[in-house]
Amino acid sequence: MRPMIFTLCLMFAILLMTGCARQWENPDITDSKQAEYRFDKDSTDCSILAGEQYPLDKDKQNSIYKTCMEKKGWEQQGNDSFPLNR
């Protein structure tokens, strides 16, 4: 019984960690701390821009957010584009 519980906990932990992977990468930034700082700043700026332009329309916000991030040099790695969907 104990090995089964351990295995289930380990599988759950792995699933949680893979869900936390960043969906965006900027190939121009090689330093991981700088990339994290820039991502947080750029993502916040783009989220604010998208929310101000379309406060009640998540689909349009996603489009604006994605375009804004791409203009800042970020490349999307997954399907979700809005930070709340990460």
Protein backbone atom coordinates (compact mmCIF):
# COMPACT_ATOMS: atom_id res chain seq x y z
CA MET A 1 0.00 0.00 0.00
CA ARG A 2 2.81 2.43 0.87
CA PRO A 3 4.64 2.10 -2.47
CA MET A 4 1.37 2.79 -4.27
CA ILE A 5 0.74 5.97 -2.27
CA PHE A 6 4.31 7.12 -2.86
CA THR A 7 3.97 6.46 -6.59
CA LEU A 8 0.69 8.39 -6.77
CA CYS A 9 2.19 11.33 -4.87
CA LEU A 10 5.22 11.35 -7.13
CA MET A 11 3.06 11.32 -10.27
CA PHE A 12 0.93 14.16 -8.87
CA ALA A 13 4.05 16.23 -8.10
CA ILE A 14 5.37 15.72 -11.63
CA LEU A 15 2.05 16.83 -13.11
CA LEU A 16 2.08 19.96 -10.97
CA MET A 17 5.62 20.87 -12.01
CA THR A 18 4.94 20.45 -15.72
CA GLY A 19 1.88 22.67 -15.41
CA CYS A 20 4.07 25.48 -14.10
CA ALA A 21 6.31 25.64 -17.16
CA ARG A 22 6.39 29.04 -18.83
CA GLN A 23 4.45 29.25 -22.09
CA TRP A 24 6.63 32.02 -23.54
CA GLU A 25 10.34 32.26 -24.33
CA ASN A 26 12.46 35.12 -25.57
CA PRO A 27 15.46 33.85 -27.56
CA ASP A 28 17.23 37.20 -27.15
CA ILE A 29 17.50 36.79 -23.35
CA THR A 30 19.95 34.15 -22.18
CA ASP A 31 20.12 34.99 -18.47
CA SER A 32 17.31 33.17 -16.65
CA LYS A 33 16.87 35.85 -13.96
CA GLN A 34 16.73 38.58 -16.58
CA ALA A 35 14.25 36.52 -18.61
CA GLU A 36 12.02 36.03 -15.57
CA TYR A 37 12.11 39.75 -14.75
CA ARG A 38 11.43 40.79 -18.35
CA PHE A 39 8.66 38.22 -18.76
CA ASP A 40 6.88 39.44 -15.62
CA LYS A 41 7.18 43.07 -16.72
CA ASP A 42 6.21 42.47 -20.35
CA SER A 43 3.37 40.11 -19.44
CA THR A 44 1.95 42.62 -16.96
CA ASP A 45 2.22 45.46 -19.48
CA CYS A 46 0.52 43.39 -22.20
CA SER A 47 -2.20 42.18 -19.82
CA ILE A 48 -3.00 45.75 -18.81
CA LEU A 49 -3.08 46.86 -22.45
CA ALA A 50 -5.39 43.99 -23.43
CA GLY A 51 -7.68 44.54 -20.45
CA GLU A 52 -7.98 48.26 -21.11
CA GLN A 53 -8.84 47.75 -24.78
CA TYR A 54 -11.36 44.93 -24.26
CA PRO A 55 -12.36 44.77 -20.58
CA LEU A 56 -15.18 42.24 -21.10
CA ASP A 57 -13.94 40.14 -24.03
CA LYS A 58 -11.35 37.46 -23.11
CA ASP A 59 -10.98 36.30 -26.75
CA LYS A 60 -9.98 39.78 -27.91
CA GLN A 61 -7.78 40.21 -24.84
CA ASN A 62 -5.95 37.00 -25.77
CA SER A 63 -5.33 38.29 -29.29
CA ILE A 64 -4.04 41.68 -28.08
CA TYR A 65 -1.89 40.03 -25.40
CA LYS A 66 -0.32 37.62 -27.88
CA THR A 67 0.45 40.38 -30.40
CA CYS A 68 1.93 42.58 -27.67
CA MET A 69 4.18 39.80 -26.35
CA GLU A 70 5.39 38.92 -29.85
CA LYS A 71 6.26 42.58 -30.50
CA LYS A 72 8.40 42.48 -27.34
CA GLY A 73 10.32 39.47 -28.71
CA TRP A 74 8.53 36.61 -26.94
CA GLU A 75 7.66 33.38 -28.72
CA GLN A 76 4.70 31.30 -27.57
CA GLN A 77 5.60 27.70 -26.63
CA GLY A 78 2.12 26.34 -25.84
CA ASN A 79 -1.49 26.80 -26.85
CA ASP A 80 -2.57 29.25 -24.15
CA SER A 81 -1.67 32.86 -24.79
CA PHE A 82 -3.17 34.79 -21.88
CA PRO A 83 -1.24 34.61 -18.61
CA LEU A 84 -4.33 33.61 -16.64
CA ASN A 85 -4.51 30.46 -18.76
CA ARG A 86 -0.98 29.29 -17.90
